[in-house]
Each structure stands twice: as structure tokens, then as C-alpha cells.
C-alpha atoms as a PDB file:
ATOM      1  CA  MET A   1     142.458 198.080 140.568  1.00  0.00           C
ATOM      2  CA  GLY A   2     141.239 194.660 139.489  1.00  0.00           C
ATOM      3  CA  ARG A   3     138.205 194.049 137.385  1.00  0.00           C
ATOM      4  CA  ARG A   4     135.004 194.087 139.431  1.00  0.00           C
ATOM      5  CA  LYS A   5     133.351 190.678 139.605  1.00  0.00           C
ATOM      6  CA  MET A   6     129.912 190.678 138.023  1.00  0.00           C
ATOM      7  CA  GLU A   7     127.077 189.262 140.098  1.00  0.00           C
ATOM      8  CA  ILE A   8     125.347 186.399 138.291  1.00  0.00           C
ATOM      9  CA  LYS A   9     121.631 187.141 138.312  1.00  0.00           C
ATOM     10  CA  ARG A  10     118.917 187.966 135.805  1.00  0.00           C
ATOM     11  CA  ILE A  11     119.419 191.279 134.007  1.00  0.00           C
ATOM     12  CA  GLU A  12     116.206 193.211 134.366  1.00  0.00           C
ATOM     13  CA  ASN A  13     116.878 195.755 131.620  1.00  0.00           C
ATOM     14  CA  LYS A  14     115.688 194.185 128.370  1.00  0.00           C
ATOM     15  CA  SER A  15     118.185 196.015 126.146  1.00  0.00           C
ATOM     16  CA  SER A  16     121.157 195.163 128.376  1.00  0.00           C
ATOM     17  CA  ARG A  17     119.959 191.580 128.639  1.00  0.00           C
ATOM     18  CA  GLN A  18     119.829 191.213 124.850  1.00  0.00           C
ATOM     19  CA  VAL A  19     123.318 192.698 124.426  1.00  0.00           C
ATOM     20  CA  THR A  20     124.743 190.376 127.089  1.00  0.00           C
ATOM     21  CA  PHE A  21     123.009 187.394 125.499  1.00  0.00           C
ATOM     22  CA  CYS A  22     124.537 188.101 122.087  1.00  0.00           C
ATOM     23  CA  LYS A  23     128.037 188.644 123.473  1.00  0.00           C
ATOM     24  CA  ARG A  24     128.040 185.592 125.707  1.00  0.00           C
ATOM     25  CA  ARG A  25     126.421 183.421 123.045  1.00  0.00           C
ATOM     26  CA  ASN A  26     129.134 184.282 120.540  1.00  0.00           C
ATOM     27  CA  GLY A  27     131.812 183.832 123.188  1.00  0.00           C
ATOM     28  CA  LEU A  28     130.490 180.407 124.164  1.00  0.00           C
ATOM     29  CA  MET A  29     130.421 179.241 120.567  1.00  0.00           C
ATOM     30  CA  GLU A  30     133.967 180.507 120.011  1.00  0.00           C
ATOM     31  CA  LYS A  31     135.178 178.666 123.131  1.00  0.00           C
ATOM     32  CA  ALA A  32     133.499 175.495 121.839  1.00  0.00           C
ATOM     33  CA  ARG A  33     135.232 175.884 118.475  1.00  0.00           C
ATOM     34  CA  GLN A  34     138.601 176.378 120.156  1.00  0.00           C
ATOM     35  CA  LEU A  35     138.058 173.267 122.299  1.00  0.00           C
ATOM     36  CA  SER A  36     137.347 171.248 119.163  1.00  0.00           C
ATOM     37  CA  VAL A  37     140.470 172.518 117.367  1.00  0.00           C
ATOM     38  CA  LEU A  38     142.821 172.190 120.344  1.00  0.00           C
ATOM     39  CA  CYS A  39     141.685 168.740 121.476  1.00  0.00           C
ATOM     40  CA  GLY A  40     140.475 167.221 118.206  1.00  0.00           C
ATOM     41  CA  SER A  41     137.027 166.630 119.666  1.00  0.00           C
ATOM     42  CA  SER A  42     133.519 167.067 118.322  1.00  0.00           C
ATOM     43  CA  VAL A  43     131.573 169.805 120.086  1.00  0.00           C
ATOM     44  CA  ALA A  44     127.939 170.824 119.640  1.00  0.00           C
ATOM     45  CA  VAL A  45     126.279 173.862 121.205  1.00  0.00           C
ATOM     46  CA  LEU A  46     122.514 174.425 121.312  1.00  0.00           C
ATOM     47  CA  ILE A  47     121.108 177.648 122.747  1.00  0.00           C
ATOM     48  CA  VAL A  48     117.457 178.619 123.066  1.00  0.00           C
ATOM     49  CA  SER A  49     116.802 182.288 123.749  1.00  0.00           C
ATOM     50  CA  SER A  50     114.082 183.629 126.029  1.00  0.00           C
ATOM     51  CA  THR A  51     111.991 184.294 122.915  1.00  0.00           C
ATOM     52  CA  GLY A  52     112.295 180.664 121.775  1.00  0.00           C
ATOM     53  CA  LYS A  53     114.805 181.245 118.991  1.00  0.00           C
ATOM     54  CA  VAL A  54     117.326 178.422 118.562  1.00  0.00           C
ATOM     55  CA  TYR A  55     121.028 178.985 117.899  1.00  0.00           C
ATOM     56  CA  SER A  56     123.339 176.091 117.105  1.00  0.00           C
ATOM     57  CA  SER A  57     126.995 175.565 116.385  1.00  0.00           C
ATOM     58  CA  SER A  58     129.103 172.461 115.800  1.00  0.00           C
ATOM     59  CA  SER A  59     132.809 171.757 115.361  1.00  0.00           C
ATOM     60  CA  GLY A  60     134.649 168.604 114.396  1.00  0.00           C
ATOM     61  CA  ASP A  61     131.530 166.871 113.085  1.00  0.00           C
ATOM     62  CA  SER A  62     128.148 167.998 111.866  1.00  0.00           C
ATOM     63  CA  MET A  63     125.400 168.747 114.365  1.00  0.00           C
ATOM     64  CA  ALA A  64     123.327 165.807 113.066  1.00  0.00           C
ATOM     65  CA  LYS A  65     126.216 163.358 113.475  1.00  0.00           C
ATOM     66  CA  ILE A  66     126.999 164.548 117.019  1.00  0.00           C
ATOM     67  CA  LEU A  67     123.351 164.319 118.069  1.00  0.00           C
ATOM     68  CA  LYS A  68     123.043 160.856 116.505  1.00  0.00           C
ATOM     69  CA  HIS A  69     126.126 159.717 118.409  1.00  0.00           C
ATOM     70  CA  TYR A  70     124.666 161.072 121.647  1.00  0.00           C
ATOM     71  CA  GLU A  71     121.332 159.385 120.959  1.00  0.00           C
ATOM     72  CA  VAL A  72     122.995 156.008 120.379  1.00  0.00           C
ATOM     73  CA  ARG A  73     125.217 156.249 123.467  1.00  0.00           C
ATOM     74  CA  HIS A  74     122.391 157.405 125.741  1.00  0.00           C
ATOM     75  CA  ALA A  75     119.463 155.501 124.257  1.00  0.00           C
ATOM     76  CA  ASP A  76     118.626 153.786 127.556  1.00  0.00           C
ATOM     77  CA  GLU A  77     118.719 157.078 129.469  1.00  0.00           C
ATOM     78  CA  LEU A  78     116.464 158.755 126.918  1.00  0.00           C
ATOM     79  CA  LYS A  79     113.950 155.890 127.134  1.00  0.00           C
ATOM     80  CA  THR A  80     113.975 156.154 130.926  1.00  0.00           C
ATOM     81  CA  LEU A  81     113.379 159.901 130.793  1.00  0.00           C
ATOM     82  CA  ASP A  82     110.539 159.438 128.314  1.00  0.00           C
ATOM     83  CA  LEU A  83     108.992 156.772 130.540  1.00  0.00           C
ATOM     84  CA  LYS A  84     109.232 159.014 133.622  1.00  0.00           C
ATOM     85  CA  GLU A  85     107.653 161.914 131.703  1.00  0.00           C
ATOM     86  CA  LYS A  86     104.736 159.741 130.657  1.00  0.00           C
ATOM     87  CA  THR A  87     104.339 158.483 134.203  1.00  0.00           C
ATOM     88  CA  GLN A  88     104.142 162.034 135.523  1.00  0.00           C
ATOM     89  CA  ASN A  89     101.655 163.165 132.887  1.00  0.00           C
ATOM     90  CA  TYR A  90      99.188 160.311 133.232  1.00  0.00           C
ATOM     91  CA  LEU A  91      97.474 158.417 136.013  1.00  0.00           C
ATOM     92  CA  SER A  92      98.790 155.029 137.062  1.00  0.00           C
ATOM     93  CA  LEU A  93      97.042 151.885 135.880  1.00  0.00           C
ATOM     94  CA  LYS A  94      95.446 151.322 139.291  1.00  0.00           C
ATOM     95  CA  GLU A  95      94.152 154.908 139.441  1.00  0.00           C
ATOM     96  CA  SER A  96      92.824 154.614 135.904  1.00  0.00           C
ATOM     97  CA  LEU A  97      90.904 151.455 136.780  1.00  0.00           C
ATOM     98  CA  GLU A  98      89.498 153.083 139.884  1.00  0.00           C
ATOM     99  CA  THR A  99      88.444 156.142 137.879  1.00  0.00           C
ATOM    100  CA  VAL A 100      86.691 154.051 135.246  1.00  0.00           C
ATOM    101  CA  GLN A 101      85.006 151.945 137.903  1.00  0.00           C
ATOM    102  CA  CYS A 102      83.669 155.056 139.607  1.00  0.00           C
ATOM    103  CA  LYS A 103      82.417 156.420 136.299  1.00  0.00           C
ATOM    104  CA  LEU A 104      80.640 153.198 135.411  1.00  0.00           C
ATOM    105  CA  GLU A 105      79.075 152.871 138.848  1.00  0.00           C
ATOM    106  CA  GLU A 106      77.442 156.281 138.574  1.00  0.00           C
ATOM    107  CA  GLN A 107      73.708 156.241 137.993  1.00  0.00           C
ATOM    108  CA  ASN A 108      73.930 158.596 135.050  1.00  0.00           C
ATOM    109  CA  VAL A 109      76.394 156.382 133.206  1.00  0.00           C
ATOM    110  CA  ASP A 110      74.526 157.023 129.979  1.00  0.00           C
ATOM    111  CA  ASN A 111      75.363 160.704 130.249  1.00  0.00           C
ATOM    112  CA  ILE A 112      79.164 160.246 130.110  1.00  0.00           C
ATOM    113  CA  SER A 113      80.530 162.461 127.393  1.00  0.00           C
ATOM    114  CA  VAL A 114      82.566 161.248 124.445  1.00  0.00           C
ATOM    115  CA  GLU A 115      85.447 163.414 125.623  1.00  0.00           C
ATOM    116  CA  SER A 116      85.484 161.644 129.005  1.00  0.00           C
ATOM    117  CA  LEU A 117      85.442 158.219 127.388  1.00  0.00           C
ATOM    118  CA  THR A 118      88.213 159.246 124.991  1.00  0.00           C
ATOM    119  CA  SER A 119      90.289 160.529 127.903  1.00  0.00           C
ATOM    120  CA  LEU A 120      89.776 157.272 129.798  1.00  0.00           C
ATOM    121  CA  GLU A 121      90.743 155.289 126.725  1.00  0.00           C
ATOM    122  CA  GLU A 122      93.979 157.281 126.382  1.00  0.00           C
ATOM    123  CA  GLN A 123      94.727 156.714 130.066  1.00  0.00           C
ATOM    124  CA  PHE A 124      94.212 152.988 129.596  1.00  0.00           C
ATOM    125  CA  LYS A 125      96.510 152.909 126.581  1.00  0.00           C
ATOM    126  CA  THR A 126      99.210 154.862 128.386  1.00  0.00           C
ATOM    127  CA  ALA A 127      98.938 152.755 131.546  1.00  0.00           C
ATOM    128  CA  LEU A 128      99.147 149.584 129.450  1.00  0.00           C
ATOM    129  CA  SER A 129     102.184 150.951 127.616  1.00  0.00           C
ATOM    130  CA  LEU A 130     103.891 151.777 130.921  1.00  0.00           C
ATOM    131  CA  THR A 131     103.077 148.335 132.298  1.00  0.00           C
ATOM    132  CA  ARG A 132     104.530 146.599 129.255  1.00  0.00           C
ATOM    133  CA  ALA A 133     107.626 148.794 129.369  1.00  0.00           C
ATOM    134  CA  ARG A 134     108.135 147.987 133.063  1.00  0.00           C
ATOM    135  CA  LYS A 135     107.616 144.290 132.378  1.00  0.00           C
ATOM    136  CA  LYS A 136     110.201 144.387 129.604  1.00  0.00           C
ATOM    137  CA  GLU A 137     112.621 146.266 131.847  1.00  0.00           C
ATOM    138  CA  LEU A 138     112.272 143.657 134.618  1.00  0.00           C
ATOM    139  CA  MET A 139     112.695 140.805 132.141  1.00  0.00           C
ATOM    140  CA  MET A 140     115.855 142.398 130.729  1.00  0.00           C
ATOM    141  CA  GLU A 141     117.233 142.818 134.248  1.00  0.00           C
ATOM    142  CA  LEU A 142     116.460 139.152 134.976  1.00  0.00           C
ATOM    143  CA  VAL A 143     118.171 138.028 131.767  1.00  0.00           C
ATOM    144  CA  LYS A 144     121.203 140.168 132.598  1.00  0.00           C
ATOM    145  CA  THR A 145     121.392 138.686 136.100  1.00  0.00           C
ATOM    146  CA  LEU A 146     121.160 135.135 134.739  1.00  0.00           C
ATOM    147  CA  GLN A 147     123.864 135.878 132.166  1.00  0.00           C
ATOM    148  CA  GLU A 148     126.154 137.198 134.897  1.00  0.00           C
ATOM    149  CA  LYS A 149     125.532 134.078 137.005  1.00  0.00           C
ATOM    150  CA  GLU A 150     126.229 131.890 133.983  1.00  0.00           C
ATOM    151  CA  LYS A 151     129.523 133.707 133.410  1.00  0.00           C
ATOM    152  CA  LEU A 152     130.526 133.241 137.058  1.00  0.00           C
ATOM    153  CA  LEU A 153     129.716 129.524 136.882  1.00  0.00           C
ATOM    154  CA  ARG A 154     131.711 129.146 133.686  1.00  0.00           C
ATOM    155  CA  ASP A 155     134.691 130.928 135.237  1.00  0.00           C
ATOM    156  CA  GLU A 156     134.492 128.715 138.329  1.00  0.00           C
ATOM    157  CA  ASN A 157     134.226 125.631 136.118  1.00  0.00           C
ATOM    158  CA  THR A 158     137.312 126.728 134.185  1.00  0.00           C
ATOM    159  CA  VAL A 159     139.283 127.229 137.409  1.00  0.00           C
ATOM    160  CA  LEU A 160     138.203 123.834 138.795  1.00  0.00           C
ATOM    161  CA  ALA A 161     139.052 122.095 135.511  1.00  0.00           C
ATOM    162  CA  SER A 162     142.496 123.729 135.527  1.00  0.00           C
ATOM    163  CA  GLN A 163     143.123 122.669 139.129  1.00  0.00           C
ATOM    164  CA  LEU A 164     141.998 119.099 138.372  1.00  0.00           C
ATOM    165  CA  ALA A 165     144.285 118.912 135.340  1.00  0.00           C
ATOM    166  CA  LYS A 166     147.250 120.106 137.438  1.00  0.00           C
ATOM    167  CA  LYS A 167     146.515 117.496 140.111  1.00  0.00           C
ATOM    168  CA  GLN A 168     146.311 114.761 137.482  1.00  0.00           C
ATOM    169  CA  ILE A 169     149.637 115.838 136.009  1.00  0.00           C
ATOM    170  CA  ASN A 170     151.244 115.917 139.453  1.00  0.00           C
ATOM    171  CA  PHE A 171     149.827 112.477 140.247  1.00  0.00           C
ATOM    172  CA  LEU A 172     151.220 111.028 137.017  1.00  0.00           C
ATOM    173  CA  GLN A 173     154.605 112.609 137.646  1.00  0.00           C
ATOM    174  CA  MET A 174     154.690 111.217 141.188  1.00  0.00           C
ATOM    175  CA  GLY A 175     153.776 107.755 139.851  1.00  0.00           C
ATOM    176  CA  LYS A 176     156.591 107.858 137.317  1.00  0.00           C
ATOM    177  CA  GLU A 177     159.061 109.009 139.962  1.00  0.00           C
ATOM    178  CA  ASN A 178     157.995 106.143 142.236  1.00  0.00           C
ATOM    179  CA  GLU A 179     158.434 103.669 139.391  1.00  0.00           C
ATOM    180  CA  LEU A 180     161.920 105.012 138.714  1.00  0.00           C
ATOM    181  CA  LEU A 181     162.820 104.723 142.384  1.00  0.00           C
ATOM    182  CA  GLU A 182     161.584 101.134 142.537  1.00  0.00           C
ATOM    183  CA  THR A 183     163.522 100.264 139.385  1.00  0.00           C
ATOM    184  CA  GLU A 184     166.716 101.797 140.749  1.00  0.00           C
ATOM    185  CA  GLU A 185     166.303  99.959 144.037  1.00  0.00           C
ATOM    186  CA  GLU A 186     165.833  96.653 142.204  1.00  0.00           C
ATOM    187  CA  ARG A 187     168.947  97.301 140.110  1.00  0.00           C
ATOM    188  CA  ALA A 188     170.934  98.140 143.199  1.00  0.00           C
ATOM    189  CA  MET A 189     169.829  94.932 144.888  1.00  0.00           C
ATOM    190  CA  LEU A 190     170.778  92.878 141.814  1.00  0.00           C
ATOM    191  CA  LEU A 191     174.219  94.446 141.647  1.00  0.00           C
ATOM    192  CA  GLU A 192     174.728  93.804 145.327  1.00  0.00           C
ATOM    193  CA  ASN A 193     173.746  90.170 144.913  1.00  0.00           C
ATOM    194  CA  ASN A 194     176.122  89.737 141.953  1.00  0.00           C
ATOM    195  CA  ASN A 195     179.044  91.231 143.843  1.00  0.00           C
ATOM    196  CA  ASN A 196     178.377  89.178 146.960  1.00  0.00           C
ATOM    197  CA  PRO A 197     177.535  85.586 145.926  1.00  0.00           C
ATOM    198  CA  PRO A 198     175.933  83.514 148.642  1.00  0.00           C
ATOM    199  CA  GLU A 199     178.351  81.480 150.819  1.00  0.00           C
ATOM    200  CA  THR A 200     178.342  77.702 150.256  1.00  0.00           C
ATOM    201  CA  LEU A 201     178.682  75.192 153.016  1.00  0.00           C
ATOM    202  CA  PRO A 202     181.792  72.954 152.881  1.00  0.00           C
ATOM    203  CA  LEU A 203     181.211  69.417 151.785  1.00  0.00           C
ATOM    204  CA  LEU A 204     181.329  66.755 154.467  1.00  0.00           C
ATOM    205  CA  LYS A 205     184.146  64.247 154.052  1.00  0.00           C
END
């Protein structure tokens, strides 16, 4: 009989769960090491257990070097994720302004606590940071678009200049050929005239 396929779901028994975690963790790290050796690649494995303990393994390069390489290659993605996280955790700029306006319009404005004012200040700072980040993102997109348009225009200009140069060369070649034809025709006419001198009228006696 074949090996019974194990159903993938949470193991309720704590002891069995810990044993499975240790076995599979070691197996995963060994598979990562084999991948690195067989393919000459750099592999990093990070595992966080249910208790919060971190296990790490790296092959090919050090863990720090692999993580640095990932950070450099995915810097834009990481910034986007950080921006989204901040957006989810804080109110938008418009909501912050509305909240502050409501607070200031209350009759007991003098009774606003320091904690509330500090919270509003942090919301303002975060909203301002998000606004500046979005502004920078839009400006970078605009610059990129303009650079792409500039490249297209330069390419088109290069093609047009090449076509114009070819036409000029063809025009010059055609002019030279016409000159040669005219010269040959003139020579032919001269030769014909030399071979056939004009008839003279007989003198009257």
C-alpha cells in the first residue's frame, strides 16, 4: 500500500505540533542548502515559531548580504508597503482636519487634554508625511513620463535624419548620373558631326 497522504491542517496536540515543527524546519533548511549547492545560488530561510522564536539559515552568502541584496532590489516595494501601512494606521489628512476642526469648535475647547492634542499633532505629522510622499511619487512619475517622451522624440528625430540623409545621397547620385548621361550624349553628337561633315553646295560657274 502507498503512503497515506497527510491532511494539511493545524495540529491540535501541542507535543505533536512541536515535533512536526522541528522535523519540517530542519527539512526545509536542508532543502534550501541543497538548492544553494546544486544551483550555485544564495538562499536564506527565516522561520518564526508560534512562540515568537526566530530560526534562520543561509547558504551561498551570509544572511546579512542576502537581506541587503533583497532590500536594494525591492526598495520601491518596501517603501510602498510602509506607506500603505501608515495610511491604514492613521486618519487621512482630510479626516484629521475635520477632527481638529470639530475639537476646536467645541465649547469646552479649554478642557482638551494634552493626550488629545498630542494625538492630533501626530496625525497631522503623519498626514503631512503621506501627502509629501504622494507628491514626490507623482512628480517622479511625471519625470519618468517626460523622459520616455523625450526618448521617443529623439528616436523619431534619428530616424527622420537618417531618411533625409539617404534622400540627399540618392539625389546627388541621380544628379551625377544625369550629368554623365548629358556628357555622353554631347560626345556622341560631336563624334557624329565629325564623321558626317556638312554637305557643301557646288560653286556656280
